[in-house]
Protein backbone atom coordinates (compact mmCIF):
# COMPACT_ATOMS: atom_id res chain seq x y z
CA UNK A 1 104.87 70.16 66.86
CA UNK A 2 101.14 70.85 66.57
CA UNK A 3 100.08 73.90 68.54
CA UNK A 4 97.10 73.08 70.67
CA UNK A 5 94.09 75.25 69.84
CA UNK A 6 93.71 78.12 72.24
CA UNK A 7 90.29 78.49 73.83
CA UNK A 8 88.70 81.66 72.52
CA UNK A 9 87.41 84.02 75.15
CA UNK A 10 84.24 85.71 74.06
CA UNK A 11 82.90 89.13 74.79
CA UNK A 12 79.51 88.75 76.45
CA UNK A 13 76.50 90.88 75.66
CA UNK A 14 77.22 91.71 72.04
CA UNK A 15 74.81 89.20 70.58
CA UNK A 16 75.96 85.85 69.20
CA UNK A 17 76.66 87.35 65.80
CA UNK A 18 79.65 89.42 66.82
CA UNK A 19 81.77 87.37 69.18
CA UNK A 20 85.26 88.79 69.37
CA UNK A 21 88.51 87.28 70.54
CA UNK A 22 90.12 89.01 73.49
CA UNK A 23 93.41 90.70 72.60
CA UNK A 24 96.19 90.20 75.08
CA UNK A 25 99.07 92.53 75.83
CA UNK A 26 102.20 90.67 76.82
CA UNK A 27 104.38 93.07 78.77
CA UNK A 28 108.14 92.51 78.97
CA UNK A 29 110.08 95.04 80.99
CA UNK A 30 113.77 95.56 81.33
CA UNK A 31 113.36 97.11 84.77
CA UNK A 32 112.58 94.49 87.36
CA UNK A 33 111.01 96.48 90.16
CA UNK A 34 109.29 99.78 89.32
CA UNK A 35 107.80 98.65 86.00
CA UNK A 36 106.69 95.30 87.37
CA UNK A 37 104.90 96.90 90.34
CA UNK A 38 103.12 99.35 88.02
CA UNK A 39 102.01 96.80 85.43
CA UNK A 40 100.89 94.27 88.03
CA UNK A 41 98.68 96.98 89.54
CA UNK A 42 97.42 97.79 86.05
CA UNK A 43 96.57 94.15 85.45
CA UNK A 44 94.68 93.99 88.74
CA UNK A 45 92.79 97.26 88.37
CA UNK A 46 91.65 97.46 84.79
CA UNK A 47 88.30 99.01 85.69
CA UNK A 48 89.91 101.83 87.70
CA UNK A 49 92.47 102.41 84.96
CA UNK A 50 89.69 102.64 82.39
CA UNK A 51 91.05 99.66 80.50
CA UNK A 52 88.65 97.44 78.64
CA UNK A 53 88.10 94.07 80.30
CA UNK A 54 89.18 92.56 76.99
CA UNK A 55 92.84 92.93 77.80
CA UNK A 56 95.14 90.53 79.59
CA UNK A 57 98.40 91.89 80.87
CA UNK A 58 100.91 89.10 81.13
CA UNK A 59 104.17 89.78 82.89
CA UNK A 60 107.22 87.89 81.79
CA UNK A 61 109.17 87.72 85.04
CA UNK A 62 112.75 88.66 84.49
CA UNK A 63 115.32 88.85 87.19
CA UNK A 64 117.62 91.83 86.81
CA UNK A 65 120.40 91.26 84.34
CA UNK A 66 123.72 92.42 85.63
CA UNK A 67 124.49 95.90 84.35
CA UNK A 68 127.27 94.71 82.05
CA UNK A 69 124.52 93.03 80.09
CA UNK A 70 121.89 95.67 80.43
CA UNK A 71 121.65 95.74 76.68
CA UNK A 72 118.19 95.68 75.10
CA UNK A 73 119.38 93.02 72.65
CA UNK A 74 120.04 90.64 75.55
CA UNK A 75 116.44 91.19 76.61
CA UNK A 76 115.21 90.50 73.06
CA UNK A 77 117.21 87.27 72.85
CA UNK A 78 115.71 86.10 76.15
CA UNK A 79 112.29 87.09 74.86
CA UNK A 80 112.83 85.14 71.61
CA UNK A 81 113.81 82.09 73.65
CA UNK A 82 110.65 82.50 75.73
CA UNK A 83 108.39 83.02 72.68
CA UNK A 84 109.87 79.91 71.01
CA UNK A 85 108.84 77.95 74.11
CA UNK A 86 105.39 79.58 74.06
CA UNK A 87 104.89 78.50 70.45
CA UNK A 88 106.14 74.98 71.16
CA UNK A 89 104.09 74.87 74.39
CA UNK A 90 107.19 73.36 76.04
CA UNK A 91 110.12 74.65 78.05
CA UNK A 92 113.59 74.59 76.60
CA UNK A 93 116.78 73.81 78.50
CA UNK A 94 117.93 77.33 77.57
CA UNK A 95 114.95 79.13 79.09
CA UNK A 96 115.22 77.29 82.39
CA UNK A 97 118.98 77.81 82.41
CA UNK A 98 118.54 81.56 81.79
CA UNK A 99 116.11 81.71 84.70
CA UNK A 100 118.63 79.81 86.85
CA UNK A 101 121.51 82.15 85.89
CA UNK A 102 119.40 85.18 86.78
CA UNK A 103 118.50 83.59 90.12
CA UNK A 104 122.16 82.72 90.74
CA UNK A 105 123.14 86.33 90.07
CA UNK A 106 120.49 87.54 92.50
CA UNK A 107 121.57 85.21 95.30
CA UNK A 108 125.37 85.30 94.85
CA UNK A 109 126.21 88.36 92.75
CA UNK A 110 128.12 86.16 90.28
CA UNK A 111 127.76 87.81 86.88
CA UNK A 112 127.49 86.26 83.45
CA UNK A 113 131.01 87.38 82.62
CA UNK A 114 132.36 85.34 85.55
CA UNK A 115 133.91 81.99 84.58
CA UNK A 116 132.11 80.39 87.56
CA UNK A 117 128.80 81.15 85.84
CA UNK A 118 130.18 79.32 82.80
CA UNK A 119 131.05 76.30 84.97
CA UNK A 120 127.55 76.35 86.45
CA UNK A 121 125.98 76.42 82.97
CA UNK A 122 128.02 73.54 81.58
CA UNK A 123 127.48 71.37 84.66
CA UNK A 124 123.70 71.88 84.44
CA UNK A 125 123.75 71.22 80.69
CA UNK A 126 125.70 68.00 81.11
CA UNK A 127 123.19 66.63 83.57
CA UNK A 128 120.09 68.00 81.85
CA UNK A 129 119.74 65.11 79.43
CA UNK A 130 117.78 62.97 81.87
CA UNK A 131 115.01 65.60 82.05
CA UNK A 132 114.19 65.90 78.36
CA UNK A 133 115.30 65.20 74.84
CA UNK A 134 117.65 67.51 73.01
CA UNK A 135 116.78 71.13 73.63
CA UNK A 136 113.37 70.58 75.19
CA UNK A 137 112.54 69.71 78.79
CA UNK A 138 109.97 67.07 79.70
CA UNK A 139 110.36 67.27 83.46
CA UNK A 140 110.39 70.97 84.38
CA UNK A 141 110.37 70.35 88.13
CA UNK A 142 113.29 67.93 87.80
CA UNK A 143 115.25 70.36 85.66
CA UNK A 144 114.60 73.21 88.12
CA UNK A 145 115.66 71.00 91.01
CA UNK A 146 118.86 70.12 89.12
CA UNK A 147 119.71 73.82 88.80
CA UNK A 148 119.13 74.25 92.54
CA UNK A 149 121.32 71.26 93.42
CA UNK A 150 124.21 72.39 91.20
CA UNK A 151 124.02 75.93 92.63
CA UNK A 152 123.99 74.53 96.13
CA UNK A 153 126.93 72.19 95.65
CA UNK A 154 129.05 74.65 93.65
CA UNK A 155 128.35 77.86 95.58
CA UNK A 156 126.31 76.91 98.65
CA UNK A 157 123.63 79.10 97.09
CA UNK A 158 119.91 78.70 97.64
CA UNK A 159 118.26 79.53 94.29
CA UNK A 160 114.80 81.04 94.29
CA UNK A 161 113.70 80.22 90.74
CA UNK A 162 110.55 81.52 89.16
CA UNK A 163 110.21 79.84 85.76
CA UNK A 164 107.96 82.09 83.65
CA UNK A 165 104.55 80.66 82.87
CA UNK A 166 104.04 79.75 79.20
CA UNK A 167 101.11 81.93 78.20
CA UNK A 168 98.66 81.41 75.36
CA UNK A 169 99.76 83.51 72.43
CA UNK A 170 97.87 84.22 69.22
CA UNK A 171 99.98 86.30 66.86
CA UNK A 172 96.97 87.59 64.95
CA UNK A 173 95.54 89.44 67.97
CA UNK A 174 98.08 89.47 70.78
CA UNK A 175 100.78 92.10 71.15
CA UNK A 176 104.20 91.62 72.67
CA UNK A 177 105.35 94.92 74.19
CA UNK A 178 108.98 95.44 75.17
CA UNK A 179 109.65 98.34 77.54
CA UNK A 180 113.14 99.81 77.94
CA UNK A 181 114.83 103.00 79.14
CA UNK A 182 116.87 105.34 76.97
CA UNK A 183 119.58 105.36 79.66
CA UNK A 184 121.91 108.02 78.18
CA UNK A 185 124.76 107.15 80.53
CA UNK A 186 125.14 103.54 79.48
CA UNK A 187 123.76 103.44 75.98
CA UNK A 188 124.84 104.70 72.64
CA UNK A 189 122.01 106.07 70.46
CA UNK A 190 122.68 103.29 67.93
CA UNK A 191 121.67 100.72 70.58
CA UNK A 192 118.17 102.23 70.64
CA UNK A 193 117.94 102.26 66.84
CA UNK A 194 119.01 98.62 66.71
CA UNK A 195 116.50 97.72 69.43
CA UNK A 196 113.60 99.34 67.53
CA UNK A 197 114.66 97.76 64.24
CA UNK A 198 114.95 94.29 65.82
CA UNK A 199 111.61 94.59 67.64
CA UNK A 200 109.85 95.44 64.40
CA UNK A 201 111.61 92.61 62.56
CA UNK A 202 110.53 90.12 65.23
CA UNK A 203 106.97 91.44 65.51
CA UNK A 204 107.34 93.05 68.95
CA UNK A 205 106.23 96.59 69.84
CA UNK A 206 109.06 98.77 71.21
CA UNK A 207 108.37 101.22 74.04
CA UNK A 208 111.06 103.67 75.09
CA UNK A 209 111.16 106.20 77.92
CA UNK A 210 113.75 108.97 77.89
CA UNK A 211 115.44 109.17 80.33
CA UNK A 212 113.64 106.33 82.14
CA UNK A 213 110.28 104.84 83.16
CA UNK A 214 109.88 107.45 85.91
CA UNK A 215 109.06 110.13 83.30
CA UNK A 216 105.92 108.14 82.47
CA UNK A 217 105.04 107.94 86.17
CA UNK A 218 105.57 111.71 86.57
CA UNK A 219 103.15 112.32 83.71
CA UNK A 220 100.32 111.01 85.90
CA UNK A 221 100.46 114.26 87.92
CA UNK A 222 99.71 117.89 87.13
CA UNK A 223 103.05 118.91 88.70
CA UNK A 224 104.73 117.46 85.60
CA UNK A 225 103.52 120.44 83.56
CA UNK A 226 105.86 122.80 85.40
CA UNK A 227 108.91 120.51 85.23
CA UNK A 228 111.96 121.45 83.18
CA UNK A 229 112.21 118.83 80.43
CA UNK A 230 115.92 119.46 79.87
CA UNK A 231 116.70 118.64 83.52
CA UNK A 232 114.55 115.53 83.28
CA UNK A 233 116.39 114.49 80.12
CA UNK A 234 119.81 114.97 81.75
CA UNK A 235 118.53 113.25 84.87
CA UNK A 236 121.47 114.26 87.11
CA UNK A 237 122.37 112.45 90.33
CA UNK A 238 121.14 114.08 93.56
CA UNK A 239 122.43 112.57 96.81
CA UNK A 240 122.91 109.16 95.23
CA UNK A 241 119.56 109.07 93.45
CA UNK A 242 118.49 110.20 90.01
CA UNK A 243 116.63 113.51 89.63
CA UNK A 244 113.51 111.73 88.31
CA UNK A 245 113.28 109.49 91.38
CA UNK A 246 113.80 112.39 93.80
CA UNK A 247 111.29 114.58 91.95
CA UNK A 248 108.67 111.84 91.73
CA UNK A 249 109.03 111.27 95.46
CA UNK A 250 108.37 114.98 96.04
CA UNK A 251 105.35 115.04 93.69
CA UNK A 252 103.75 111.90 95.15
CA UNK A 253 104.32 113.17 98.69
CA UNK A 254 102.68 116.51 97.86
CA UNK A 255 99.61 114.76 96.45
CA UNK A 256 99.42 112.38 99.39
CA UNK A 257 101.60 113.13 102.46
CA UNK A 258 101.40 109.49 103.54
CA UNK A 259 103.06 108.31 100.35
CA UNK A 260 106.44 108.70 98.75
CA UNK A 261 108.27 107.10 95.85
CA UNK A 262 111.35 104.97 95.54
CA UNK A 263 112.14 102.53 92.75
CA UNK A 264 111.47 99.52 94.94
CA UNK A 265 108.72 100.91 97.13
CA UNK A 266 105.71 102.93 96.06
CA UNK A 267 101.94 102.70 95.99
CA UNK A 268 100.94 101.98 92.37
CA UNK A 269 97.25 102.59 93.09
CA UNK A 270 97.89 106.34 93.24
CA UNK A 271 98.63 106.20 89.53
CA UNK A 272 95.78 104.05 88.26
CA UNK A 273 92.94 106.59 88.12
CA UNK A 274 95.28 109.19 86.61
CA UNK A 275 96.24 107.18 83.53
CA UNK A 276 94.09 109.31 81.19
CA UNK A 277 96.11 112.39 82.21
CA UNK A 278 99.38 110.54 81.66
CA UNK A 279 98.27 109.47 78.16
CA UNK A 280 97.43 113.08 77.25
CA UNK A 281 100.77 114.41 78.51
CA UNK A 282 102.72 111.67 76.76
CA UNK A 283 100.95 112.31 73.44
CA UNK A 284 101.53 116.06 73.83
CA UNK A 285 105.31 115.55 73.91
CA UNK A 286 107.69 113.60 71.66
CA UNK A 287 106.44 110.02 71.36
CA UNK A 288 108.04 108.75 68.16
CA UNK A 289 110.31 105.92 69.38
CA UNK A 290 113.06 106.82 66.91
CA UNK A 291 113.22 110.40 68.16
CA UNK A 292 112.96 109.45 71.83
CA UNK A 293 116.67 108.70 71.85
CA UNK A 294 117.26 112.48 71.84
CA UNK A 295 114.08 114.02 73.25
CA UNK A 296 112.60 113.64 76.74
CA UNK A 297 109.36 111.69 76.63
CA UNK A 298 107.87 108.23 76.23
CA UNK A 299 105.59 106.38 73.83
CA UNK A 300 103.92 104.45 76.66
CA UNK A 301 100.96 106.82 76.20
CA UNK A 302 100.28 105.05 72.88
CA UNK A 303 100.20 101.67 74.59
CA UNK A 304 97.82 102.84 77.31
CA UNK A 305 95.67 104.70 74.77
CA UNK A 306 95.26 101.45 72.84
CA UNK A 307 94.48 99.50 75.98
CA UNK A 308 91.82 102.03 76.96
CA UNK A 309 90.20 102.44 73.57
CA UNK A 310 90.91 99.05 71.98
CA UNK A 311 92.05 100.91 68.88
CA UNK A 312 95.43 100.25 67.37
CA UNK A 313 97.36 103.44 66.77
CA UNK A 314 99.88 101.89 64.42
């Protein structure tokens, strides 16, 4: 179908001759708590973070995928489905069903490998025809309600569904950024290579943190400079938590005794005015995505550098 024209947002104060379109960064994260908290704060505090007002950070809400499917390719397939809907400016049955399956997993613990999930999917599909034609949905509220009803009658589950908003996307200026962890324990190196290759093929920008997103958070603090990178890379378990989480808690607490860090609970504002430092530390270590599968580091510094300077590194 015809894409509706997207209203251009103009940069004021540059004189009518040089109006520029605002680039948008569309952030998709694999992690569903820590990353989301950080990027939401970033979106809400661009001035503190030194980010040009020309940038929109759009979060694609993703419920956690069960660990059996914590494969970056699953994330890319969901992202493709979402971007297809964005381009069509309409929701697909698949996208709403994915959102419903994630919500079902959250409320019941039923995984995608479970045959009950399969039954849920086919029941919703069968009844979805009244809410749209073919693969597309005309009545999003009706379709969402259908998912809730089926979940309730099959499992007595109360689904809390958050269908992602279809954002405006202009491929010539906007960037889709996909953020994943190296995750040595669960991932073969070839998974990372495939992820990078597929991102580039599909026009997405891959961002990888080795061992995990917490290394980027640690880089916001001077204490990072005296850390042992090899220990960070191995990221051993300490009393049921990963080394990076324990260490970040210690660092944050030292900087501000009222604060600590856990994956689901931390104060993101402590990080915002330190982003320049984090960028410098990230750029000073390995930040080539292909080499990040072996070396400790992250290329998130490149992303934040671009956001702060409005210059593309690539």
